[in-house]
Amino acid sequence: MGSIIGLSIFLAVLLGGVLRMVLSRQLADEFKAWTPWVVEGFVKHAVSRLPEDQRKRFGEEWRSHVNAVPGEIGKFIVAFGFLMAARKISAMLKTGGERHLIGEGMRRVIEITFSAVLLTLVGPLLLLMSLLTKLFDGGPALTNFECVGLNGQKVSLYMFRTTRAWEPNMALMNRPRPRADITRIGTFLRKTEIYLLPMFINILRGDLSLVGPRPMSPDAVEELSRLLPGFEERCKVKPGIAGLAELHFPHDPSTELAYDLEYIRNRTLKLDLLILFRTMKYVFTELPPE
């Protein structure tokens, strides 16, 4: 009797494994079959948001870019990025910004694609950190604070809460915090830079860029604008998670401003990618940038 039960269990497990393999392959085949149709739908909707005289040109260029991407998932993500960026590109065309269109459009596509993929991959980690913050420290897991964005507009950015009493001005000006004010989970979040991950939601929303001047509170911007001529020039681009100034660890606002203005004058997609590469190198190796 025992041998019959054991054989039955073995056969059930074997049958379950075979069914999973068949279903997985079937789902993979279905995804592969549906991807070209979905991707083409994204591109068509993206092109429809552009001025009519530009649709043919960008439709051909975007289809070419999508087809050059390896893998079905990669094509899906890039096409979705074009869809999300199309509205901004349309606005630039209508305001005569075509000279910077390619760079700005591709920058936005990269930001959307990178942020969407990252948030998808780290979603379980974000959920775990939220639960641990609630469990060990109580209170909200996320906090938002007001900072100055593009053209002086005020935006709210998201971060994991790492202190018991959150003070946006102090946090954004990188002023030292009393050690006792850091929460238990907050020490780990800061050391690993995980507390910054919710800011990628702001990138998807268009409040923030991957690369740009450091976000600052309205009070800090107002104060430094009085003290440093040209400080308001920083608002000509979106603030960013990474930046040229952060790579050089400036010790005073005037030096930081000099690096920010240098970035704005020489801002290109190539420079953004270089800053991101050096920033990730620093984060993963914990060595100061060269």
C-alpha atoms as a PDB file:
ATOM      1  CA  MET A   1       0.000   0.000   0.000  1.00  0.00           C
ATOM      2  CA  GLY A   2       2.824   2.345   0.932  1.00  0.00           C
ATOM      3  CA  SER A   3       4.604   1.648  -2.347  1.00  0.00           C
ATOM      4  CA  ILE A   4       1.435   2.462  -4.290  1.00  0.00           C
ATOM      5  CA  ILE A   5       1.050   5.786  -2.446  1.00  0.00           C
ATOM      6  CA  GLY A   6       4.712   6.601  -3.023  1.00  0.00           C
ATOM      7  CA  LEU A   7       4.406   5.754  -6.707  1.00  0.00           C
ATOM      8  CA  SER A   8       1.278   7.900  -6.962  1.00  0.00           C
ATOM      9  CA  ILE A   9       3.057  10.847  -5.371  1.00  0.00           C
ATOM     10  CA  PHE A  10       6.031  10.387  -7.679  1.00  0.00           C
ATOM     11  CA  LEU A  11       3.784  10.268 -10.739  1.00  0.00           C
ATOM     12  CA  ALA A  12       1.843  13.349  -9.548  1.00  0.00           C
ATOM     13  CA  VAL A  13       5.055  15.323  -9.060  1.00  0.00           C
ATOM     14  CA  LEU A  14       6.367  14.158 -12.434  1.00  0.00           C
ATOM     15  CA  LEU A  15       3.095  15.059 -14.143  1.00  0.00           C
ATOM     16  CA  GLY A  16       3.109  18.463 -12.405  1.00  0.00           C
ATOM     17  CA  GLY A  17       6.641  19.113 -13.641  1.00  0.00           C
ATOM     18  CA  VAL A  18       5.726  18.183 -17.192  1.00  0.00           C
ATOM     19  CA  LEU A  19       2.628  20.390 -17.091  1.00  0.00           C
ATOM     20  CA  ARG A  20       4.696  23.329 -15.790  1.00  0.00           C
ATOM     21  CA  MET A  21       7.199  22.858 -18.597  1.00  0.00           C
ATOM     22  CA  VAL A  22       4.431  22.692 -21.199  1.00  0.00           C
ATOM     23  CA  LEU A  23       2.632  25.728 -19.787  1.00  0.00           C
ATOM     24  CA  SER A  24       5.873  27.714 -19.472  1.00  0.00           C
ATOM     25  CA  ARG A  25       6.765  26.985 -23.063  1.00  0.00           C
ATOM     26  CA  GLN A  26       3.228  27.795 -24.186  1.00  0.00           C
ATOM     27  CA  LEU A  27       3.297  31.114 -22.319  1.00  0.00           C
ATOM     28  CA  ALA A  28       6.726  31.926 -23.768  1.00  0.00           C
ATOM     29  CA  ASP A  29       5.455  31.178 -27.282  1.00  0.00           C
ATOM     30  CA  GLU A  30       2.365  33.309 -26.671  1.00  0.00           C
ATOM     31  CA  PHE A  31       4.487  36.208 -25.367  1.00  0.00           C
ATOM     32  CA  LYS A  32       6.789  35.960 -28.380  1.00  0.00           C
ATOM     33  CA  ALA A  33       3.805  35.939 -30.726  1.00  0.00           C
ATOM     34  CA  TRP A  34       2.058  38.878 -29.074  1.00  0.00           C
ATOM     35  CA  THR A  35       5.125  41.102 -28.545  1.00  0.00           C
ATOM     36  CA  PRO A  36       5.404  42.449 -32.144  1.00  0.00           C
ATOM     37  CA  TRP A  37       1.719  43.449 -32.087  1.00  0.00           C
ATOM     38  CA  VAL A  38       2.009  45.174 -28.692  1.00  0.00           C
ATOM     39  CA  VAL A  39       5.279  46.896 -29.643  1.00  0.00           C
ATOM     40  CA  GLU A  40       3.790  48.180 -32.890  1.00  0.00           C
ATOM     41  CA  GLY A  41       0.806  49.458 -30.919  1.00  0.00           C
ATOM     42  CA  PHE A  42       3.104  51.391 -28.573  1.00  0.00           C
ATOM     43  CA  VAL A  43       4.986  52.936 -31.494  1.00  0.00           C
ATOM     44  CA  LYS A  44       1.772  53.898 -33.307  1.00  0.00           C
ATOM     45  CA  HIS A  45       0.347  55.562 -30.208  1.00  0.00           C
ATOM     46  CA  ALA A  46       3.642  57.349 -29.566  1.00  0.00           C
ATOM     47  CA  VAL A  47       3.820  58.647 -33.147  1.00  0.00           C
ATOM     48  CA  SER A  48       0.185  59.801 -33.011  1.00  0.00           C
ATOM     49  CA  ARG A  49       1.151  62.226 -30.211  1.00  0.00           C
ATOM     50  CA  LEU A  50       3.617  64.042 -32.471  1.00  0.00           C
ATOM     51  CA  PRO A  51       2.865  66.858 -34.932  1.00  0.00           C
ATOM     52  CA  GLU A  52       1.487  65.391 -38.146  1.00  0.00           C
ATOM     53  CA  ASP A  53       4.423  66.517 -40.305  1.00  0.00           C
ATOM     54  CA  GLN A  54       6.881  64.656 -38.048  1.00  0.00           C
ATOM     55  CA  ARG A  55       5.068  61.339 -37.654  1.00  0.00           C
ATOM     56  CA  LYS A  56       6.510  59.506 -40.648  1.00  0.00           C
ATOM     57  CA  ARG A  57      10.086  60.501 -39.825  1.00  0.00           C
ATOM     58  CA  PHE A  58       9.938  59.501 -36.168  1.00  0.00           C
ATOM     59  CA  GLY A  59       7.884  56.399 -36.869  1.00  0.00           C
ATOM     60  CA  GLU A  60      10.658  55.061 -39.112  1.00  0.00           C
ATOM     61  CA  GLU A  61      13.416  56.041 -36.664  1.00  0.00           C
ATOM     62  CA  TRP A  62      11.675  54.534 -33.635  1.00  0.00           C
ATOM     63  CA  ARG A  63      10.826  51.276 -35.376  1.00  0.00           C
ATOM     64  CA  SER A  64      14.468  51.026 -36.413  1.00  0.00           C
ATOM     65  CA  HIS A  65      15.626  51.573 -32.815  1.00  0.00           C
ATOM     66  CA  VAL A  66      13.169  49.001 -31.464  1.00  0.00           C
ATOM     67  CA  ASN A  67      14.150  46.367 -34.031  1.00  0.00           C
ATOM     68  CA  ALA A  68      17.818  46.843 -33.122  1.00  0.00           C
ATOM     69  CA  VAL A  69      17.165  45.927 -29.482  1.00  0.00           C
ATOM     70  CA  PRO A  70      17.851  42.242 -28.656  1.00  0.00           C
ATOM     71  CA  GLY A  71      15.161  40.169 -26.960  1.00  0.00           C
ATOM     72  CA  GLU A  72      11.385  40.475 -26.863  1.00  0.00           C
ATOM     73  CA  ILE A  73      11.334  42.058 -23.402  1.00  0.00           C
ATOM     74  CA  GLY A  74      13.909  44.637 -24.468  1.00  0.00           C
ATOM     75  CA  LYS A  75      11.816  45.626 -27.498  1.00  0.00           C
ATOM     76  CA  PHE A  76       8.728  45.903 -25.303  1.00  0.00           C
ATOM     77  CA  ILE A  77      10.457  48.181 -22.762  1.00  0.00           C
ATOM     78  CA  VAL A  78      12.033  50.499 -25.354  1.00  0.00           C
ATOM     79  CA  ALA A  79       8.759  50.870 -27.258  1.00  0.00           C
ATOM     80  CA  PHE A  80       7.004  51.702 -23.993  1.00  0.00           C
ATOM     81  CA  GLY A  81       9.707  54.295 -23.309  1.00  0.00           C
ATOM     82  CA  PHE A  82       9.000  55.988 -26.640  1.00  0.00           C
ATOM     83  CA  LEU A  83       5.299  56.037 -25.791  1.00  0.00           C
ATOM     84  CA  MET A  84       5.931  57.735 -22.447  1.00  0.00           C
ATOM     85  CA  ALA A  85       8.390  60.257 -23.931  1.00  0.00           C
ATOM     86  CA  ALA A  86       6.344  61.196 -26.999  1.00  0.00           C
ATOM     87  CA  ARG A  87       4.366  63.957 -25.287  1.00  0.00           C
ATOM     88  CA  LYS A  88       7.512  65.770 -24.175  1.00  0.00           C
ATOM     89  CA  ILE A  89       9.052  65.412 -27.633  1.00  0.00           C
ATOM     90  CA  SER A  90       5.886  66.839 -29.175  1.00  0.00           C
ATOM     91  CA  ALA A  91       6.064  69.872 -26.877  1.00  0.00           C
ATOM     92  CA  MET A  92       9.695  70.475 -27.852  1.00  0.00           C
ATOM     93  CA  LEU A  93       8.840  70.336 -31.547  1.00  0.00           C
ATOM     94  CA  LYS A  94       6.045  72.861 -31.120  1.00  0.00           C
ATOM     95  CA  THR A  95       8.286  75.283 -29.205  1.00  0.00           C
ATOM     96  CA  GLY A  96      11.139  75.171 -31.701  1.00  0.00           C
ATOM     97  CA  GLY A  97      13.412  72.922 -29.648  1.00  0.00           C
ATOM     98  CA  GLU A  98      14.208  70.509 -32.460  1.00  0.00           C
ATOM     99  CA  ARG A  99      17.952  71.159 -32.214  1.00  0.00           C
ATOM    100  CA  HIS A 100      18.111  69.308 -28.911  1.00  0.00           C
ATOM    101  CA  LEU A 101      15.261  66.955 -29.708  1.00  0.00           C
ATOM    102  CA  ILE A 102      17.202  63.757 -30.317  1.00  0.00           C
ATOM    103  CA  GLY A 103      19.320  64.058 -27.190  1.00  0.00           C
ATOM    104  CA  GLU A 104      16.408  65.091 -24.953  1.00  0.00           C
ATOM    105  CA  GLY A 105      14.088  62.475 -26.406  1.00  0.00           C
ATOM    106  CA  MET A 106      16.597  59.657 -25.975  1.00  0.00           C
ATOM    107  CA  ARG A 107      17.460  60.909 -22.477  1.00  0.00           C
ATOM    108  CA  ARG A 108      13.801  60.651 -21.484  1.00  0.00           C
ATOM    109  CA  VAL A 109      13.460  57.193 -23.047  1.00  0.00           C
ATOM    110  CA  ILE A 110      16.535  55.986 -21.164  1.00  0.00           C
ATOM    111  CA  GLU A 111      15.242  57.461 -17.898  1.00  0.00           C
ATOM    112  CA  ILE A 112      11.827  55.839 -18.247  1.00  0.00           C
ATOM    113  CA  THR A 113      13.243  52.491 -19.339  1.00  0.00           C
ATOM    114  CA  PHE A 114      15.921  52.381 -16.644  1.00  0.00           C
ATOM    115  CA  SER A 115      13.538  53.450 -13.870  1.00  0.00           C
ATOM    116  CA  ALA A 116      10.766  51.042 -14.911  1.00  0.00           C
ATOM    117  CA  VAL A 117      13.153  48.081 -15.092  1.00  0.00           C
ATOM    118  CA  LEU A 118      14.854  48.979 -11.802  1.00  0.00           C
ATOM    119  CA  LEU A 119      11.604  49.434  -9.872  1.00  0.00           C
ATOM    120  CA  THR A 120      10.338  46.125 -11.248  1.00  0.00           C
ATOM    121  CA  LEU A 121      13.492  44.291 -10.190  1.00  0.00           C
ATOM    122  CA  VAL A 122      13.720  45.831  -6.714  1.00  0.00           C
ATOM    123  CA  GLY A 123       9.977  45.829  -6.028  1.00  0.00           C
ATOM    124  CA  PRO A 124      10.217  42.962  -3.488  1.00  0.00           C
ATOM    125  CA  LEU A 125      13.123  44.738  -1.777  1.00  0.00           C
ATOM    126  CA  LEU A 126      11.144  47.988  -1.516  1.00  0.00           C
ATOM    127  CA  LEU A 127       8.237  46.094   0.030  1.00  0.00           C
ATOM    128  CA  LEU A 128      10.563  44.359   2.507  1.00  0.00           C
ATOM    129  CA  MET A 129      12.204  47.641   3.564  1.00  0.00           C
ATOM    130  CA  SER A 130       8.763  49.222   4.040  1.00  0.00           C
ATOM    131  CA  LEU A 131       7.667  46.344   6.277  1.00  0.00           C
ATOM    132  CA  LEU A 132      10.901  46.439   8.297  1.00  0.00           C
ATOM    133  CA  THR A 133      10.612  50.197   8.813  1.00  0.00           C
ATOM    134  CA  LYS A 134       7.063  49.799  10.111  1.00  0.00           C
ATOM    135  CA  LEU A 135       8.048  46.834  12.265  1.00  0.00           C
ATOM    136  CA  PHE A 136      11.183  48.254  13.907  1.00  0.00           C
ATOM    137  CA  ASP A 137      10.597  52.014  13.886  1.00  0.00           C
ATOM    138  CA  GLY A 138       6.871  52.594  13.446  1.00  0.00           C
ATOM    139  CA  GLY A 139       5.480  55.532  11.505  1.00  0.00           C
ATOM    140  CA  PRO A 140       5.396  55.883   7.717  1.00  0.00           C
ATOM    141  CA  ALA A 141       7.962  54.026   5.603  1.00  0.00           C
ATOM    142  CA  LEU A 142       8.114  56.757   2.950  1.00  0.00           C
ATOM    143  CA  THR A 143       8.477  60.475   3.343  1.00  0.00           C
ATOM    144  CA  ASN A 144       8.147  63.221   0.779  1.00  0.00           C
ATOM    145  CA  PHE A 145       9.644  66.658   0.813  1.00  0.00           C
ATOM    146  CA  GLU A 146       9.412  69.734  -1.327  1.00  0.00           C
ATOM    147  CA  CYS A 147      12.304  70.777  -3.543  1.00  0.00           C
ATOM    148  CA  VAL A 148      12.880  73.130  -6.462  1.00  0.00           C
ATOM    149  CA  GLY A 149      12.584  71.509  -9.872  1.00  0.00           C
ATOM    150  CA  LEU A 150      12.774  72.618 -13.495  1.00  0.00           C
ATOM    151  CA  ASN A 151      12.234  76.362 -14.014  1.00  0.00           C
ATOM    152  CA  GLY A 152      11.792  76.903 -10.284  1.00  0.00           C
ATOM    153  CA  GLN A 153       8.676  74.751  -9.967  1.00  0.00           C
ATOM    154  CA  LYS A 154       8.180  73.033  -6.629  1.00  0.00           C
ATOM    155  CA  VAL A 155       7.989  69.231  -6.673  1.00  0.00           C
ATOM    156  CA  SER A 156       7.676  66.552  -3.990  1.00  0.00           C
ATOM    157  CA  LEU A 157      10.281  63.800  -3.995  1.00  0.00           C
ATOM    158  CA  TYR A 158       9.986  60.396  -2.310  1.00  0.00           C
ATOM    159  CA  MET A 159      12.499  58.686  -0.033  1.00  0.00           C
ATOM    160  CA  PHE A 160      12.491  55.989   2.610  1.00  0.00           C
ATOM    161  CA  ARG A 161      12.303  57.582   6.041  1.00  0.00           C
ATOM    162  CA  THR A 162      15.624  57.127   7.841  1.00  0.00           C
ATOM    163  CA  THR A 163      15.204  59.514  10.792  1.00  0.00           C
ATOM    164  CA  ARG A 164      12.699  59.870  13.608  1.00  0.00           C
ATOM    165  CA  ALA A 165      12.078  63.570  12.907  1.00  0.00           C
ATOM    166  CA  TRP A 166      12.299  64.278   9.195  1.00  0.00           C
ATOM    167  CA  GLU A 167      13.639  67.719   8.309  1.00  0.00           C
ATOM    168  CA  PRO A 168      13.779  68.235   4.517  1.00  0.00           C
ATOM    169  CA  ASN A 169      16.110  71.254   4.584  1.00  0.00           C
ATOM    170  CA  MET A 170      18.661  69.488   6.744  1.00  0.00           C
ATOM    171  CA  ALA A 171      18.483  66.290   4.709  1.00  0.00           C
ATOM    172  CA  LEU A 172      18.861  67.960   1.330  1.00  0.00           C
ATOM    173  CA  MET A 173      21.677  70.262   2.416  1.00  0.00           C
ATOM    174  CA  ASN A 174      23.683  67.240   3.581  1.00  0.00           C
ATOM    175  CA  ARG A 175      24.029  68.629   7.084  1.00  0.00           C
ATOM    176  CA  PRO A 176      25.094  66.101   9.734  1.00  0.00           C
ATOM    177  CA  ARG A 177      22.383  64.358  11.714  1.00  0.00           C
ATOM    178  CA  PRO A 178      22.720  63.322  15.363  1.00  0.00           C
ATOM    179  CA  ARG A 179      23.480  59.595  15.423  1.00  0.00           C
ATOM    180  CA  ALA A 180      20.660  59.004  17.907  1.00  0.00           C
ATOM    181  CA  ASP A 181      18.152  60.496  15.444  1.00  0.00           C
ATOM    182  CA  ILE A 182      18.802  57.822  12.800  1.00  0.00           C
ATOM    183  CA  THR A 183      16.367  54.905  12.994  1.00  0.00           C
ATOM    184  CA  ARG A 184      17.597  51.349  13.321  1.00  0.00           C
ATOM    185  CA  ILE A 185      16.683  50.389   9.770  1.00  0.00           C
ATOM    186  CA  GLY A 186      17.642  53.891   8.586  1.00  0.00           C
ATOM    187  CA  THR A 187      21.341  53.253   9.237  1.00  0.00           C
ATOM    188  CA  PHE A 188      21.262  50.314   6.838  1.00  0.00           C
ATOM    189  CA  LEU A 189      19.178  52.220   4.277  1.00  0.00           C
ATOM    190  CA  ARG A 190      21.653  55.104   4.206  1.00  0.00           C
ATOM    191  CA  LYS A 191      24.776  52.960   4.122  1.00  0.00           C
ATOM    192  CA  THR A 192      23.466  50.972   1.141  1.00  0.00           C
ATOM    193  CA  GLU A 193      21.833  54.020  -0.553  1.00  0.00           C
ATOM    194  CA  ILE A 194      18.554  52.049  -0.675  1.00  0.00           C
ATOM    195  CA  TYR A 195      16.721  55.013   0.857  1.00  0.00           C
ATOM    196  CA  LEU A 196      17.024  56.803  -2.509  1.00  0.00           C
ATOM    197  CA  LEU A 197      15.276  54.108  -4.572  1.00  0.00           C
ATOM    198  CA  PRO A 198      11.726  55.567  -4.243  1.00  0.00           C
ATOM    199  CA  MET A 199      13.006  58.655  -6.082  1.00  0.00           C
ATOM    200  CA  PHE A 200      12.876  56.633  -9.291  1.00  0.00           C
ATOM    201  CA  ILE A 201       9.099  57.046  -9.051  1.00  0.00           C
ATOM    202  CA  ASN A 202       9.732  60.771  -9.477  1.00  0.00           C
ATOM    203  CA  ILE A 203      11.796  60.041 -12.584  1.00  0.00           C
ATOM    204  CA  LEU A 204       8.859  58.157 -14.110  1.00  0.00           C
ATOM    205  CA  ARG A 205       6.619  61.123 -13.258  1.00  0.00           C
ATOM    206  CA  GLY A 206       9.046  63.546 -14.915  1.00  0.00           C
ATOM    207  CA  ASP A 207       9.893  65.495 -11.725  1.00  0.00           C
ATOM    208  CA  LEU A 208      13.484  64.327 -11.620  1.00  0.00           C
ATOM    209  CA  SER A 209      16.288  63.193 -13.939  1.00  0.00           C
ATOM    210  CA  LEU A 210      18.875  60.484 -13.538  1.00  0.00           C
ATOM    211  CA  VAL A 211      21.579  63.164 -13.854  1.00  0.00           C
ATOM    212  CA  GLY A 212      21.355  66.794 -12.814  1.00  0.00           C
ATOM    213  CA  PRO A 213      22.106  69.258 -10.016  1.00  0.00           C
ATOM    214  CA  ARG A 214      21.414  68.070  -6.468  1.00  0.00           C
ATOM    215  CA  PRO A 215      17.798  68.591  -5.330  1.00  0.00           C
ATOM    216  CA  MET A 216      17.465  71.428  -2.806  1.00  0.00           C
ATOM    217  CA  SER A 217      14.621  72.802  -0.746  1.00  0.00           C
ATOM    218  CA  PRO A 218      12.998  76.145  -1.697  1.00  0.00           C
ATOM    219  CA  ASP A 219      14.511  77.792   1.413  1.00  0.00           C
ATOM    220  CA  ALA A 220      18.006  76.602   0.517  1.00  0.00           C
ATOM    221  CA  VAL A 221      17.661  77.781  -3.099  1.00  0.00           C
ATOM    222  CA  GLU A 222      16.362  81.183  -1.993  1.00  0.00           C
ATOM    223  CA  GLU A 223      19.209  81.629   0.500  1.00  0.00           C
ATOM    224  CA  LEU A 224      21.968  80.546  -1.890  1.00  0.00           C
ATOM    225  CA  SER A 225      20.519  82.621  -4.752  1.00  0.00           C
ATOM    226  CA  ARG A 226      21.080  85.715  -2.601  1.00  0.00           C
ATOM    227  CA  LEU A 227      24.628  84.717  -1.735  1.00  0.00           C
ATOM    228  CA  LEU A 228      25.864  83.296  -5.056  1.00  0.00           C
ATOM    229  CA  PRO A 229      25.285  85.141  -8.371  1.00  0.00           C
ATOM    230  CA  GLY A 230      24.053  82.790 -11.097  1.00  0.00           C
ATOM    231  CA  PHE A 231      22.731  80.186  -8.673  1.00  0.00           C
ATOM    232  CA  GLU A 232      19.278  80.331 -10.291  1.00  0.00           C
ATOM    233  CA  GLU A 233      20.880  78.943 -13.493  1.00  0.00           C
ATOM    234  CA  ARG A 234      20.715  75.507 -11.855  1.00  0.00           C
ATOM    235  CA  CYS A 235      16.946  75.558 -12.377  1.00  0.00           C
ATOM    236  CA  LYS A 236      17.298  75.468 -16.166  1.00  0.00           C
ATOM    237  CA  VAL A 237      17.509  71.668 -15.959  1.00  0.00           C
ATOM    238  CA  LYS A 238      15.787  69.131 -13.720  1.00  0.00           C
ATOM    239  CA  PRO A 239      17.543  68.109 -10.520  1.00  0.00           C
ATOM    240  CA  GLY A 240      18.998  64.623 -10.604  1.00  0.00           C
ATOM    241  CA  ILE A 241      19.864  61.642  -8.432  1.00  0.00           C
ATOM    242  CA  ALA A 242      23.452  61.685  -9.731  1.00  0.00           C
ATOM    243  CA  GLY A 243      25.449  64.727 -10.765  1.00  0.00           C
ATOM    244  CA  LEU A 244      28.816  66.062 -11.818  1.00  0.00           C
ATOM    245  CA  ALA A 245      29.253  67.943  -8.531  1.00  0.00           C
ATOM    246  CA  GLU A 246      28.666  64.808  -6.438  1.00  0.00           C
ATOM    247  CA  LEU A 247      31.512  63.063  -8.266  1.00  0.00           C
ATOM    248  CA  HIS A 248      33.973  65.660  -6.925  1.00  0.00           C
ATOM    249  CA  PHE A 249      32.670  65.929  -3.342  1.00  0.00           C
ATOM    250  CA  PRO A 250      32.530  69.767  -3.185  1.00  0.00           C
ATOM    251  CA  HIS A 251      33.032  71.210   0.293  1.00  0.00           C
ATOM    252  CA  ASP A 252      31.220  74.506  -0.227  1.00  0.00           C
ATOM    253  CA  PRO A 253      28.196  75.780  -2.199  1.00  0.00           C
ATOM    254  CA  SER A 254      30.290  77.968  -4.544  1.00  0.00           C
ATOM    255  CA  THR A 255      32.372  74.986  -5.705  1.00  0.00           C
ATOM    256  CA  GLU A 256      29.240  72.884  -6.126  1.00  0.00           C
ATOM    257  CA  LEU A 257      27.656  75.666  -8.194  1.00  0.00           C
ATOM    258  CA  ALA A 258      30.727  75.795 -10.444  1.00  0.00           C
ATOM    259  CA  TYR A 259      30.412  72.085 -11.194  1.00  0.00           C
ATOM    260  CA  ASP A 260      26.645  72.395 -11.769  1.00  0.00           C
ATOM    261  CA  LEU A 261      27.095  75.250 -14.252  1.00  0.00           C
ATOM    262  CA  GLU A 262      29.846  73.322 -16.025  1.00  0.00           C
ATOM    263  CA  TYR A 263      27.443  70.389 -16.390  1.00  0.00           C
ATOM    264  CA  ILE A 264      24.642  72.602 -17.740  1.00  0.00           C
ATOM    265  CA  ARG A 265      26.956  74.227 -20.322  1.00  0.00           C
ATOM    266  CA  ASN A 266      28.259  70.861 -21.556  1.00  0.00           C
ATOM    267  CA  ARG A 267      25.134  68.760 -21.033  1.00  0.00           C
ATOM    268  CA  THR A 268      24.961  65.883 -23.485  1.00  0.00           C
ATOM    269  CA  LEU A 269      23.650  62.334 -23.410  1.00  0.00           C
ATOM    270  CA  LYS A 270      27.252  61.079 -23.536  1.00  0.00           C
ATOM    271  CA  LEU A 271      28.172  63.131 -20.447  1.00  0.00           C
ATOM    272  CA  ASP A 272      25.095  61.826 -18.608  1.00  0.00           C
ATOM    273  CA  LEU A 273      26.075  58.225 -19.324  1.00  0.00           C
ATOM    274  CA  LEU A 274      29.641  58.891 -18.170  1.00  0.00           C
ATOM    275  CA  ILE A 275      28.405  60.413 -14.889  1.00  0.00           C
ATOM    276  CA  LEU A 276      26.047  57.476 -14.328  1.00  0.00           C
ATOM    277  CA  PHE A 277      28.841  54.972 -14.984  1.00  0.00           C
ATOM    278  CA  ARG A 278      31.228  56.670 -12.566  1.00  0.00           C
ATOM    279  CA  THR A 279      28.488  57.039  -9.958  1.00  0.00           C
ATOM    280  CA  MET A 280      27.592  53.332 -10.117  1.00  0.00           C
ATOM    281  CA  LYS A 281      31.293  52.476  -9.949  1.00  0.00           C
ATOM    282  CA  TYR A 282      31.548  54.494  -6.743  1.00  0.00           C
ATOM    283  CA  VAL A 283      28.370  52.998  -5.241  1.00  0.00           C
ATOM    284  CA  PHE A 284      29.424  49.401  -5.892  1.00  0.00           C
ATOM    285  CA  THR A 285      33.123  49.744  -5.042  1.00  0.00           C
ATOM    286  CA  GLU A 286      32.757  52.360  -2.272  1.00  0.00           C
ATOM    287  CA  LEU A 287      35.862  54.060  -3.647  1.00  0.00           C
ATOM    288  CA  PRO A 288      36.004  57.812  -4.344  1.00  0.00           C
ATOM    289  CA  PRO A 289      35.642  58.670  -8.030  1.00  0.00           C
ATOM    290  CA  GLU A 290      38.858  59.451  -9.850  1.00  0.00           C
END
